[in-house]
N, C-alpha and C. Protein backbone atom coordinates (compact mmCIF):
# COMPACT_ATOMS: atom_id res chain seq x y z
N UNK A 1 -29.16 1.18 -6.60
CA UNK A 1 -28.34 0.64 -7.69
C UNK A 1 -27.20 -0.19 -7.11
N UNK A 2 -27.00 -1.36 -7.64
CA UNK A 2 -25.95 -2.24 -7.17
C UNK A 2 -24.58 -1.67 -7.53
N UNK A 3 -23.68 -1.68 -6.56
CA UNK A 3 -22.33 -1.19 -6.81
C UNK A 3 -21.57 -2.17 -7.68
N UNK A 4 -20.98 -1.68 -8.76
CA UNK A 4 -20.31 -2.55 -9.73
C UNK A 4 -18.79 -2.45 -9.64
N UNK A 5 -18.29 -1.79 -8.61
CA UNK A 5 -16.85 -1.57 -8.50
C UNK A 5 -16.43 -1.72 -7.05
N UNK A 6 -15.13 -1.88 -6.84
CA UNK A 6 -14.57 -1.88 -5.50
C UNK A 6 -14.15 -0.46 -5.14
N UNK A 7 -14.52 -0.01 -3.97
CA UNK A 7 -14.15 1.32 -3.50
C UNK A 7 -12.89 1.22 -2.66
N UNK A 8 -11.88 2.00 -3.04
CA UNK A 8 -10.58 1.94 -2.36
C UNK A 8 -10.19 3.33 -1.86
N UNK A 9 -10.69 3.74 -0.70
CA UNK A 9 -10.32 5.04 -0.16
C UNK A 9 -8.81 5.11 0.13
N UNK A 10 -8.24 6.26 -0.20
CA UNK A 10 -6.81 6.46 0.01
C UNK A 10 -6.57 7.16 1.34
N UNK A 11 -5.76 6.56 2.18
CA UNK A 11 -5.49 7.18 3.48
C UNK A 11 -4.53 8.36 3.36
N UNK A 12 -4.11 8.69 2.14
CA UNK A 12 -3.34 9.92 1.95
C UNK A 12 -4.12 11.13 2.47
N UNK A 13 -5.45 11.04 2.37
CA UNK A 13 -6.31 12.15 2.81
C UNK A 13 -6.95 11.90 4.16
N UNK A 14 -6.52 10.87 4.85
CA UNK A 14 -7.08 10.55 6.17
C UNK A 14 -6.50 11.45 7.24
N UNK A 15 -7.04 11.34 8.45
CA UNK A 15 -6.52 12.07 9.60
C UNK A 15 -5.33 11.29 10.16
N UNK A 16 -4.13 11.77 9.88
CA UNK A 16 -2.93 11.02 10.27
C UNK A 16 -2.71 11.03 11.79
N UNK A 17 -3.44 11.89 12.50
CA UNK A 17 -3.33 11.88 13.96
C UNK A 17 -4.23 10.81 14.57
N UNK A 18 -5.11 10.22 13.73
CA UNK A 18 -6.01 9.17 14.22
C UNK A 18 -6.38 8.24 13.07
N UNK A 19 -5.41 7.49 12.61
CA UNK A 19 -5.65 6.60 11.47
C UNK A 19 -6.65 5.50 11.81
N UNK A 20 -6.70 5.12 13.07
CA UNK A 20 -7.67 4.10 13.47
C UNK A 20 -9.09 4.55 13.21
N UNK A 21 -9.40 5.80 13.53
CA UNK A 21 -10.74 6.34 13.29
C UNK A 21 -11.01 6.44 11.79
N UNK A 22 -10.01 6.80 11.01
CA UNK A 22 -10.19 6.90 9.56
C UNK A 22 -10.45 5.53 8.94
N UNK A 23 -9.79 4.52 9.46
CA UNK A 23 -10.02 3.16 8.96
C UNK A 23 -11.43 2.69 9.31
N UNK A 24 -11.89 3.02 10.50
CA UNK A 24 -13.27 2.68 10.87
C UNK A 24 -14.27 3.40 9.95
N UNK A 25 -13.95 4.65 9.60
CA UNK A 25 -14.79 5.41 8.69
C UNK A 25 -14.86 4.72 7.32
N UNK A 26 -13.73 4.22 6.85
CA UNK A 26 -13.69 3.50 5.57
C UNK A 26 -14.59 2.28 5.63
N UNK A 27 -14.49 1.53 6.71
CA UNK A 27 -15.32 0.33 6.86
C UNK A 27 -16.80 0.68 6.93
N UNK A 28 -17.14 1.69 7.69
CA UNK A 28 -18.54 2.06 7.88
C UNK A 28 -19.17 2.61 6.61
N UNK A 29 -18.36 3.26 5.76
CA UNK A 29 -18.89 3.86 4.53
C UNK A 29 -18.75 2.93 3.32
N UNK A 30 -18.48 1.67 3.57
CA UNK A 30 -18.50 0.68 2.50
C UNK A 30 -17.24 0.53 1.70
N UNK A 31 -16.12 0.94 2.24
CA UNK A 31 -14.85 0.73 1.54
C UNK A 31 -14.53 -0.75 1.41
N UNK A 32 -13.97 -1.14 0.28
CA UNK A 32 -13.63 -2.54 0.04
C UNK A 32 -12.14 -2.82 0.17
N UNK A 33 -11.35 -1.80 -0.08
CA UNK A 33 -9.89 -1.90 -0.09
C UNK A 33 -9.35 -0.61 0.53
N UNK A 34 -8.23 -0.69 1.22
CA UNK A 34 -7.57 0.52 1.71
C UNK A 34 -6.35 0.79 0.84
N UNK A 35 -6.38 1.95 0.18
CA UNK A 35 -5.31 2.34 -0.74
C UNK A 35 -4.28 3.14 0.05
N UNK A 36 -3.03 2.73 -0.04
CA UNK A 36 -1.96 3.36 0.73
C UNK A 36 -0.92 3.93 -0.23
N UNK A 37 -0.89 5.25 -0.32
CA UNK A 37 0.04 5.93 -1.23
C UNK A 37 1.39 6.12 -0.56
N UNK A 38 2.40 5.54 -1.15
CA UNK A 38 3.76 5.65 -0.64
C UNK A 38 4.55 6.54 -1.59
N UNK A 39 5.03 7.68 -1.08
CA UNK A 39 5.77 8.64 -1.89
C UNK A 39 7.15 8.87 -1.29
N UNK A 40 8.14 9.02 -2.16
CA UNK A 40 9.52 9.10 -1.69
C UNK A 40 10.15 10.49 -1.82
N UNK A 41 9.39 11.49 -2.32
CA UNK A 41 9.95 12.82 -2.50
C UNK A 41 10.89 12.92 -3.68
N UNK A 42 10.96 11.84 -4.47
CA UNK A 42 11.86 11.82 -5.63
C UNK A 42 11.08 11.50 -6.90
N UNK A 43 10.41 10.36 -6.92
CA UNK A 43 9.55 10.02 -8.07
C UNK A 43 8.38 11.00 -8.16
N UNK A 44 7.87 11.40 -7.00
CA UNK A 44 6.84 12.44 -6.90
C UNK A 44 7.30 13.46 -5.86
N UNK A 45 6.83 14.72 -5.98
CA UNK A 45 7.34 15.79 -5.09
C UNK A 45 6.66 15.83 -3.73
N UNK A 46 6.61 14.71 -3.06
CA UNK A 46 6.02 14.67 -1.73
C UNK A 46 6.53 13.42 -1.03
N UNK A 47 6.38 13.36 0.27
CA UNK A 47 6.77 12.18 1.04
C UNK A 47 5.62 11.79 1.95
N UNK A 48 5.39 10.48 2.08
CA UNK A 48 4.29 10.04 2.94
C UNK A 48 4.77 9.01 3.95
N UNK A 49 4.31 7.78 3.84
CA UNK A 49 4.52 6.81 4.92
C UNK A 49 5.39 5.64 4.46
N UNK A 50 5.87 4.91 5.45
CA UNK A 50 6.69 3.75 5.17
C UNK A 50 6.11 2.48 5.76
N UNK A 51 6.84 1.38 5.72
CA UNK A 51 6.34 0.09 6.20
C UNK A 51 5.93 0.08 7.67
N UNK A 52 6.56 0.90 8.49
CA UNK A 52 6.24 0.89 9.92
C UNK A 52 4.79 1.31 10.17
N UNK A 53 4.29 2.29 9.40
CA UNK A 53 2.91 2.72 9.55
C UNK A 53 1.96 1.62 9.09
N UNK A 54 2.30 0.98 7.98
CA UNK A 54 1.47 -0.12 7.48
C UNK A 54 1.41 -1.24 8.51
N UNK A 55 2.54 -1.55 9.10
CA UNK A 55 2.57 -2.61 10.13
C UNK A 55 1.70 -2.22 11.33
N UNK A 56 1.71 -0.93 11.68
CA UNK A 56 0.95 -0.47 12.85
C UNK A 56 -0.55 -0.54 12.63
N UNK A 57 -1.00 -0.28 11.40
CA UNK A 57 -2.45 -0.26 11.15
C UNK A 57 -2.98 -1.60 10.66
N UNK A 58 -2.10 -2.52 10.35
CA UNK A 58 -2.54 -3.81 9.82
C UNK A 58 -3.52 -4.54 10.76
N UNK A 59 -3.28 -4.53 12.08
CA UNK A 59 -4.22 -5.24 12.97
C UNK A 59 -5.59 -4.57 13.11
N UNK A 60 -5.75 -3.37 12.58
CA UNK A 60 -6.98 -2.61 12.80
C UNK A 60 -8.11 -2.99 11.87
N UNK A 61 -7.83 -3.74 10.80
CA UNK A 61 -8.86 -4.06 9.82
C UNK A 61 -8.51 -5.33 9.05
N UNK A 62 -9.54 -5.99 8.55
CA UNK A 62 -9.33 -7.16 7.69
C UNK A 62 -9.38 -6.78 6.22
N UNK A 63 -9.65 -5.51 5.92
CA UNK A 63 -9.70 -5.08 4.52
C UNK A 63 -8.32 -5.22 3.88
N UNK A 64 -8.27 -5.56 2.58
CA UNK A 64 -6.98 -5.65 1.90
C UNK A 64 -6.29 -4.30 1.82
N UNK A 65 -4.98 -4.32 1.91
CA UNK A 65 -4.15 -3.13 1.74
C UNK A 65 -3.56 -3.13 0.34
N UNK A 66 -3.89 -2.09 -0.43
CA UNK A 66 -3.27 -1.88 -1.75
C UNK A 66 -2.20 -0.81 -1.59
N UNK A 67 -0.96 -1.22 -1.56
CA UNK A 67 0.15 -0.30 -1.39
C UNK A 67 0.62 0.17 -2.76
N UNK A 68 0.49 1.46 -2.99
CA UNK A 68 0.82 2.08 -4.28
C UNK A 68 2.18 2.76 -4.13
N UNK A 69 3.19 2.15 -4.71
CA UNK A 69 4.56 2.63 -4.58
C UNK A 69 4.86 3.70 -5.64
N UNK A 70 4.74 4.96 -5.24
CA UNK A 70 5.12 6.07 -6.12
C UNK A 70 6.54 6.47 -5.74
N UNK A 71 7.46 5.58 -6.08
CA UNK A 71 8.85 5.71 -5.66
C UNK A 71 9.78 5.38 -6.82
N UNK A 72 11.01 5.87 -6.71
CA UNK A 72 11.98 5.68 -7.79
C UNK A 72 12.62 4.30 -7.79
N UNK A 73 12.60 3.63 -6.64
CA UNK A 73 13.23 2.31 -6.54
C UNK A 73 12.26 1.31 -5.89
N UNK A 74 11.21 0.91 -6.61
CA UNK A 74 10.23 0.00 -6.00
C UNK A 74 10.82 -1.35 -5.61
N UNK A 75 11.85 -1.80 -6.32
CA UNK A 75 12.46 -3.11 -6.01
C UNK A 75 12.88 -3.20 -4.55
N UNK A 76 13.40 -2.10 -4.01
CA UNK A 76 13.94 -2.13 -2.65
C UNK A 76 12.85 -2.08 -1.58
N UNK A 77 11.62 -1.72 -1.95
CA UNK A 77 10.56 -1.54 -0.97
C UNK A 77 9.50 -2.63 -0.98
N UNK A 78 9.51 -3.46 -2.00
CA UNK A 78 8.48 -4.50 -2.10
C UNK A 78 8.52 -5.43 -0.89
N UNK A 79 9.66 -5.96 -0.58
CA UNK A 79 9.75 -6.92 0.54
C UNK A 79 9.37 -6.30 1.88
N UNK A 80 9.85 -5.10 2.24
CA UNK A 80 9.45 -4.51 3.52
C UNK A 80 7.95 -4.27 3.63
N UNK A 81 7.29 -3.89 2.52
CA UNK A 81 5.85 -3.65 2.60
C UNK A 81 5.06 -4.96 2.63
N UNK A 82 5.56 -5.98 1.97
CA UNK A 82 4.92 -7.29 2.09
C UNK A 82 5.01 -7.78 3.53
N UNK A 83 6.19 -7.64 4.12
CA UNK A 83 6.37 -8.06 5.52
C UNK A 83 5.49 -7.26 6.48
N UNK A 84 5.18 -6.01 6.11
CA UNK A 84 4.38 -5.14 6.97
C UNK A 84 2.89 -5.45 6.88
N UNK A 85 2.48 -6.18 5.83
CA UNK A 85 1.08 -6.57 5.74
C UNK A 85 0.35 -6.17 4.48
N UNK A 86 1.07 -5.74 3.45
CA UNK A 86 0.43 -5.39 2.18
C UNK A 86 -0.16 -6.63 1.52
N UNK A 87 -1.31 -6.46 0.87
CA UNK A 87 -1.94 -7.54 0.13
C UNK A 87 -1.76 -7.36 -1.37
N UNK A 88 -1.80 -6.12 -1.81
CA UNK A 88 -1.55 -5.78 -3.21
C UNK A 88 -0.36 -4.82 -3.22
N UNK A 89 0.52 -5.01 -4.17
CA UNK A 89 1.65 -4.09 -4.36
C UNK A 89 1.57 -3.55 -5.79
N UNK A 90 1.40 -2.24 -5.90
CA UNK A 90 1.33 -1.61 -7.22
C UNK A 90 2.51 -0.66 -7.36
N UNK A 91 3.25 -0.80 -8.45
CA UNK A 91 4.41 0.06 -8.68
C UNK A 91 4.30 0.70 -10.07
N UNK A 92 5.14 1.69 -10.32
CA UNK A 92 5.05 2.43 -11.57
C UNK A 92 5.97 1.89 -12.65
N UNK A 93 5.40 1.74 -13.83
CA UNK A 93 6.17 1.32 -14.99
C UNK A 93 7.34 2.26 -15.23
N UNK A 94 7.12 3.54 -15.02
CA UNK A 94 8.14 4.55 -15.31
C UNK A 94 9.35 4.44 -14.38
N UNK A 95 9.18 3.74 -13.25
CA UNK A 95 10.25 3.67 -12.25
C UNK A 95 10.98 2.34 -12.24
N UNK A 96 10.59 1.43 -13.12
CA UNK A 96 11.15 0.07 -13.02
C UNK A 96 11.57 -0.45 -14.40
N UNK A 97 12.83 -0.75 -14.54
CA UNK A 97 13.35 -1.29 -15.80
C UNK A 97 12.91 -2.75 -15.98
N UNK A 98 13.02 -3.53 -14.92
CA UNK A 98 12.73 -4.96 -15.00
C UNK A 98 11.37 -5.26 -14.34
N UNK A 99 10.32 -4.67 -14.91
CA UNK A 99 8.99 -4.78 -14.32
C UNK A 99 8.47 -6.22 -14.32
N UNK A 100 8.77 -6.97 -15.36
CA UNK A 100 8.31 -8.35 -15.44
C UNK A 100 8.86 -9.16 -14.26
N UNK A 101 10.12 -8.96 -13.97
CA UNK A 101 10.75 -9.69 -12.86
C UNK A 101 10.14 -9.28 -11.53
N UNK A 102 9.85 -8.00 -11.35
CA UNK A 102 9.30 -7.54 -10.09
C UNK A 102 7.87 -8.06 -9.89
N UNK A 103 7.09 -8.08 -10.96
CA UNK A 103 5.74 -8.65 -10.88
C UNK A 103 5.80 -10.11 -10.46
N UNK A 104 6.71 -10.84 -11.07
CA UNK A 104 6.87 -12.26 -10.75
C UNK A 104 7.25 -12.45 -9.28
N UNK A 105 8.11 -11.57 -8.79
CA UNK A 105 8.55 -11.65 -7.40
C UNK A 105 7.39 -11.39 -6.43
N UNK A 106 6.57 -10.40 -6.74
CA UNK A 106 5.43 -10.07 -5.89
C UNK A 106 4.44 -11.25 -5.85
N UNK A 107 4.17 -11.81 -7.01
CA UNK A 107 3.22 -12.92 -7.09
C UNK A 107 3.77 -14.17 -6.42
N UNK A 108 5.07 -14.37 -6.48
CA UNK A 108 5.68 -15.52 -5.82
C UNK A 108 5.54 -15.44 -4.31
N UNK A 109 5.40 -14.21 -3.80
CA UNK A 109 5.20 -14.01 -2.35
C UNK A 109 3.74 -14.17 -1.96
N UNK A 110 2.89 -14.50 -2.94
CA UNK A 110 1.48 -14.72 -2.65
C UNK A 110 0.65 -13.45 -2.63
N UNK A 111 1.16 -12.37 -3.21
CA UNK A 111 0.46 -11.10 -3.21
C UNK A 111 0.01 -10.74 -4.63
N UNK A 112 -0.95 -9.80 -4.71
CA UNK A 112 -1.40 -9.31 -6.00
C UNK A 112 -0.40 -8.26 -6.50
N UNK A 113 -0.07 -8.34 -7.79
CA UNK A 113 0.90 -7.41 -8.38
C UNK A 113 0.20 -6.45 -9.32
N UNK A 114 0.43 -5.15 -9.10
CA UNK A 114 -0.16 -4.13 -9.94
C UNK A 114 0.88 -3.27 -10.63
N UNK A 115 0.54 -2.77 -11.80
CA UNK A 115 1.40 -1.84 -12.53
C UNK A 115 0.62 -0.56 -12.75
N UNK A 116 1.26 0.58 -12.59
CA UNK A 116 0.60 1.87 -12.75
C UNK A 116 1.33 2.72 -13.78
N UNK A 117 0.56 3.59 -14.45
CA UNK A 117 1.17 4.55 -15.38
C UNK A 117 0.60 5.94 -15.12
N UNK A 118 1.45 6.95 -15.28
CA UNK A 118 1.03 8.34 -15.11
C UNK A 118 0.32 8.80 -16.38
N UNK A 119 -0.36 9.96 -16.33
CA UNK A 119 -1.15 10.39 -17.49
C UNK A 119 -0.38 10.48 -18.81
N UNK A 120 0.89 10.82 -18.77
CA UNK A 120 1.64 11.00 -20.02
C UNK A 120 2.20 9.70 -20.60
N UNK A 121 2.04 8.59 -19.88
CA UNK A 121 2.56 7.31 -20.36
C UNK A 121 1.49 6.56 -21.13
N UNK A 122 1.79 6.12 -22.36
CA UNK A 122 0.80 5.38 -23.15
C UNK A 122 0.65 3.94 -22.69
N UNK A 123 -0.48 3.34 -23.00
CA UNK A 123 -0.69 1.93 -22.65
C UNK A 123 0.33 1.02 -23.29
N UNK A 124 0.85 1.41 -24.43
CA UNK A 124 1.83 0.57 -25.13
C UNK A 124 3.06 0.27 -24.27
N UNK A 125 3.30 1.11 -23.27
CA UNK A 125 4.47 0.90 -22.41
C UNK A 125 4.34 -0.33 -21.53
N UNK A 126 3.11 -0.82 -21.33
CA UNK A 126 2.91 -1.96 -20.43
C UNK A 126 2.25 -3.15 -21.13
N UNK A 127 2.17 -3.11 -22.44
CA UNK A 127 1.49 -4.19 -23.18
C UNK A 127 2.04 -5.56 -22.85
N UNK A 128 3.35 -5.68 -22.74
CA UNK A 128 3.98 -6.98 -22.49
C UNK A 128 3.67 -7.52 -21.10
N UNK A 129 3.20 -6.66 -20.19
CA UNK A 129 2.94 -7.07 -18.81
C UNK A 129 1.50 -7.50 -18.59
N UNK A 130 0.61 -7.18 -19.50
CA UNK A 130 -0.81 -7.44 -19.28
C UNK A 130 -1.16 -8.92 -19.09
N UNK A 131 -0.45 -9.85 -19.71
CA UNK A 131 -0.80 -11.26 -19.47
C UNK A 131 -0.51 -11.75 -18.06
N UNK A 132 0.38 -11.05 -17.32
CA UNK A 132 0.79 -11.58 -16.01
C UNK A 132 0.38 -10.72 -14.83
N UNK A 133 0.00 -9.47 -15.07
CA UNK A 133 -0.28 -8.56 -13.97
C UNK A 133 -1.70 -8.80 -13.44
N UNK A 134 -1.90 -8.51 -12.15
CA UNK A 134 -3.21 -8.69 -11.52
C UNK A 134 -4.05 -7.42 -11.58
N UNK A 135 -3.40 -6.27 -11.62
CA UNK A 135 -4.09 -4.99 -11.57
C UNK A 135 -3.34 -3.97 -12.40
N UNK A 136 -4.09 -3.13 -13.11
CA UNK A 136 -3.51 -2.00 -13.82
C UNK A 136 -4.13 -0.74 -13.24
N UNK A 137 -3.29 0.14 -12.71
CA UNK A 137 -3.75 1.38 -12.10
C UNK A 137 -3.49 2.54 -13.05
N UNK A 138 -4.59 3.16 -13.51
CA UNK A 138 -4.49 4.31 -14.40
C UNK A 138 -4.56 5.58 -13.56
N UNK A 139 -3.49 6.36 -13.58
CA UNK A 139 -3.49 7.64 -12.89
C UNK A 139 -4.21 8.67 -13.75
N UNK A 140 -5.21 9.31 -13.16
CA UNK A 140 -5.96 10.34 -13.89
C UNK A 140 -5.63 11.74 -13.38
N UNK A 141 -4.56 11.82 -12.60
CA UNK A 141 -3.91 13.08 -12.26
C UNK A 141 -2.40 12.80 -12.27
N UNK A 142 -1.61 13.86 -12.27
CA UNK A 142 -0.18 13.67 -12.11
C UNK A 142 0.09 13.44 -10.63
N UNK A 143 0.65 12.28 -10.27
CA UNK A 143 0.71 11.89 -8.86
C UNK A 143 1.63 12.77 -8.02
N UNK A 144 1.29 12.81 -6.73
CA UNK A 144 2.12 13.54 -5.78
C UNK A 144 1.33 14.34 -4.78
N UNK A 145 0.11 14.71 -5.15
CA UNK A 145 -0.72 15.52 -4.25
C UNK A 145 -2.18 15.08 -4.36
N UNK A 146 -2.93 15.20 -3.27
CA UNK A 146 -4.35 14.91 -3.28
C UNK A 146 -5.14 16.12 -3.72
N UNK A 147 -6.41 15.90 -4.04
CA UNK A 147 -7.32 17.00 -4.33
C UNK A 147 -7.20 17.61 -5.71
N UNK A 148 -6.57 16.92 -6.66
CA UNK A 148 -6.40 17.47 -8.00
C UNK A 148 -7.63 17.19 -8.88
N UNK A 149 -7.75 17.95 -9.96
CA UNK A 149 -8.84 17.77 -10.91
C UNK A 149 -8.49 16.65 -11.88
N UNK A 150 -9.46 15.79 -12.16
CA UNK A 150 -9.25 14.65 -13.05
C UNK A 150 -8.92 15.08 -14.48
N UNK A 151 -7.96 14.38 -15.07
CA UNK A 151 -7.68 14.51 -16.51
C UNK A 151 -8.54 13.46 -17.21
N UNK A 152 -9.71 13.86 -17.66
CA UNK A 152 -10.73 12.91 -18.11
C UNK A 152 -10.29 12.10 -19.33
N UNK A 153 -9.39 12.63 -20.14
CA UNK A 153 -8.94 11.90 -21.33
C UNK A 153 -8.24 10.60 -20.96
N UNK A 154 -7.73 10.50 -19.72
CA UNK A 154 -7.05 9.28 -19.28
C UNK A 154 -8.01 8.10 -19.20
N UNK A 155 -9.31 8.37 -19.10
CA UNK A 155 -10.28 7.29 -19.00
C UNK A 155 -10.36 6.47 -20.29
N UNK A 156 -9.87 7.02 -21.38
CA UNK A 156 -9.83 6.25 -22.62
C UNK A 156 -8.91 5.04 -22.47
N UNK A 157 -7.89 5.17 -21.63
CA UNK A 157 -7.00 4.03 -21.37
C UNK A 157 -7.75 2.91 -20.67
N UNK A 158 -8.69 3.28 -19.79
CA UNK A 158 -9.50 2.28 -19.11
C UNK A 158 -10.33 1.51 -20.12
N UNK A 159 -10.98 2.23 -21.02
CA UNK A 159 -11.80 1.58 -22.05
C UNK A 159 -10.96 0.64 -22.91
N UNK A 160 -9.78 1.07 -23.26
CA UNK A 160 -8.92 0.23 -24.09
C UNK A 160 -8.46 -1.01 -23.33
N UNK A 161 -8.15 -0.84 -22.06
CA UNK A 161 -7.74 -1.99 -21.24
C UNK A 161 -8.85 -3.02 -21.13
N UNK A 162 -10.09 -2.56 -21.00
CA UNK A 162 -11.22 -3.48 -20.90
C UNK A 162 -11.39 -4.26 -22.21
N UNK A 163 -11.18 -3.58 -23.35
CA UNK A 163 -11.27 -4.26 -24.64
C UNK A 163 -10.17 -5.32 -24.78
N UNK A 164 -8.96 -4.93 -24.40
CA UNK A 164 -7.83 -5.87 -24.49
C UNK A 164 -8.09 -7.09 -23.61
N UNK A 165 -8.58 -6.85 -22.42
CA UNK A 165 -8.86 -7.95 -21.48
C UNK A 165 -9.89 -8.91 -22.07
N UNK A 166 -10.94 -8.35 -22.61
CA UNK A 166 -12.00 -9.19 -23.18
C UNK A 166 -11.51 -9.97 -24.39
N UNK A 167 -10.76 -9.32 -25.25
CA UNK A 167 -10.32 -9.96 -26.49
C UNK A 167 -9.21 -10.98 -26.26
N UNK A 168 -8.44 -10.79 -25.20
CA UNK A 168 -7.29 -11.67 -24.95
C UNK A 168 -7.50 -12.62 -23.78
N UNK A 169 -8.64 -12.51 -23.11
CA UNK A 169 -8.97 -13.37 -21.97
C UNK A 169 -7.94 -13.24 -20.86
N UNK A 170 -7.48 -12.00 -20.61
CA UNK A 170 -6.58 -11.74 -19.49
C UNK A 170 -7.41 -11.61 -18.20
N UNK A 171 -6.73 -11.60 -17.05
CA UNK A 171 -7.45 -11.63 -15.77
C UNK A 171 -7.26 -10.38 -14.92
N UNK A 172 -6.53 -9.39 -15.38
CA UNK A 172 -6.28 -8.20 -14.57
C UNK A 172 -7.56 -7.40 -14.32
N UNK A 173 -7.54 -6.63 -13.24
CA UNK A 173 -8.60 -5.66 -13.00
C UNK A 173 -8.02 -4.26 -13.21
N UNK A 174 -8.90 -3.29 -13.45
CA UNK A 174 -8.47 -1.93 -13.78
C UNK A 174 -8.89 -0.98 -12.67
N UNK A 175 -7.93 -0.20 -12.21
CA UNK A 175 -8.17 0.76 -11.14
C UNK A 175 -7.92 2.18 -11.65
N UNK A 176 -8.66 3.14 -11.11
CA UNK A 176 -8.48 4.55 -11.47
C UNK A 176 -8.21 5.35 -10.20
N UNK A 177 -7.22 6.23 -10.27
CA UNK A 177 -6.82 7.02 -9.12
C UNK A 177 -6.58 8.47 -9.55
N UNK A 178 -7.36 9.38 -8.96
CA UNK A 178 -7.10 10.80 -9.19
C UNK A 178 -8.33 11.59 -9.59
N UNK A 179 -8.75 12.50 -8.72
CA UNK A 179 -9.84 13.40 -9.05
C UNK A 179 -11.21 12.76 -9.08
N UNK A 180 -11.39 11.65 -8.37
CA UNK A 180 -12.70 10.98 -8.36
C UNK A 180 -13.59 11.62 -7.29
N UNK A 181 -14.73 12.15 -7.73
CA UNK A 181 -15.71 12.74 -6.82
C UNK A 181 -17.10 12.47 -7.36
N UNK A 182 -18.12 13.09 -6.78
CA UNK A 182 -19.50 12.84 -7.22
C UNK A 182 -19.69 13.17 -8.70
N UNK A 183 -19.01 14.20 -9.17
CA UNK A 183 -19.15 14.63 -10.55
C UNK A 183 -18.50 13.66 -11.52
N UNK A 184 -17.30 13.19 -11.17
CA UNK A 184 -16.54 12.36 -12.11
C UNK A 184 -16.78 10.86 -11.95
N UNK A 185 -17.35 10.44 -10.81
CA UNK A 185 -17.57 9.01 -10.58
C UNK A 185 -18.37 8.35 -11.70
N UNK A 186 -19.47 8.96 -12.20
CA UNK A 186 -20.20 8.31 -13.30
C UNK A 186 -19.35 8.09 -14.55
N UNK A 187 -18.42 9.00 -14.82
CA UNK A 187 -17.54 8.85 -15.97
C UNK A 187 -16.59 7.66 -15.76
N UNK A 188 -16.10 7.55 -14.54
CA UNK A 188 -15.17 6.47 -14.20
C UNK A 188 -15.87 5.11 -14.31
N UNK A 189 -17.09 5.03 -13.79
CA UNK A 189 -17.84 3.78 -13.85
C UNK A 189 -18.19 3.43 -15.30
N UNK A 190 -18.61 4.44 -16.07
CA UNK A 190 -18.99 4.22 -17.46
C UNK A 190 -17.82 3.69 -18.29
N UNK A 191 -16.61 4.08 -17.92
CA UNK A 191 -15.42 3.61 -18.64
C UNK A 191 -15.14 2.14 -18.38
N UNK A 192 -15.74 1.59 -17.29
CA UNK A 192 -15.55 0.17 -16.99
C UNK A 192 -14.58 -0.11 -15.85
N UNK A 193 -14.31 0.89 -15.04
CA UNK A 193 -13.35 0.74 -13.95
C UNK A 193 -13.81 -0.30 -12.92
N UNK A 194 -12.87 -1.13 -12.48
CA UNK A 194 -13.17 -2.16 -11.48
C UNK A 194 -12.92 -1.68 -10.06
N UNK A 195 -11.88 -0.84 -9.89
CA UNK A 195 -11.51 -0.33 -8.57
C UNK A 195 -11.43 1.20 -8.64
N UNK A 196 -12.15 1.86 -7.75
CA UNK A 196 -12.16 3.32 -7.72
C UNK A 196 -11.41 3.80 -6.48
N UNK A 197 -10.32 4.51 -6.70
CA UNK A 197 -9.55 5.08 -5.61
C UNK A 197 -10.00 6.52 -5.39
N UNK A 198 -10.29 6.87 -4.14
CA UNK A 198 -10.70 8.24 -3.84
C UNK A 198 -10.11 8.64 -2.51
N UNK A 199 -9.52 9.83 -2.46
CA UNK A 199 -8.91 10.32 -1.23
C UNK A 199 -9.70 11.43 -0.60
N UNK A 200 -9.41 12.66 -1.00
CA UNK A 200 -10.04 13.81 -0.36
C UNK A 200 -11.55 13.81 -0.51
N UNK A 201 -12.08 13.41 -1.68
CA UNK A 201 -13.53 13.40 -1.88
C UNK A 201 -14.21 12.42 -0.95
N UNK A 202 -13.58 11.28 -0.70
CA UNK A 202 -14.17 10.28 0.20
C UNK A 202 -14.25 10.83 1.62
N UNK A 203 -13.17 11.39 2.11
CA UNK A 203 -13.13 11.79 3.51
C UNK A 203 -13.87 13.10 3.78
N UNK A 204 -14.17 13.87 2.74
CA UNK A 204 -14.94 15.10 2.93
C UNK A 204 -16.41 14.91 2.59
N UNK A 205 -16.79 13.69 2.20
CA UNK A 205 -18.18 13.41 1.88
C UNK A 205 -18.59 13.86 0.50
N UNK A 206 -17.62 14.12 -0.39
CA UNK A 206 -17.92 14.59 -1.74
C UNK A 206 -17.97 13.44 -2.74
N UNK A 207 -18.07 12.21 -2.24
CA UNK A 207 -18.18 11.04 -3.12
C UNK A 207 -19.40 10.24 -2.70
């Protein structure tokens, strides 16, 4: 069966003692994008990596880097991650008052701009951004930890986004992050997802 989506393994679940080997694994298993979860211990209850790690792994692969900023102040981190080698920058609607301005800034730097919402945030919160954004990331778990069970009702947002895109001739793609494994992947694909993010299931062979 022809793959109809981009696979974006998240290095949140990679072997941090050997990220080079994990990146090779992503390439060998058909990954299309490398998803990089950035957590600040404030917006979500965990901390991960910063621009220095992204800069260090950038020479190891030609795959695009999708940097997912799960942080309280994305404005302050966009430029450092772009300089480090990010290709896509995705930030949370819940963390940014002036999201339109930040999207414009990311795109002016020649990068793809993404907006993400957590499970409790309705699509109506980002309606005004859909004409200009490149990617919409639907969280199907509450962000902060890997290995969680998918909240399947969130996939209805994906279906609605696809309808809006078709009816309005917008150009964004839709990504899903959280709880994607062999069991839930068919549901994610059926909803019309363009980019599938998978962390623990990818690296344990459960996808």
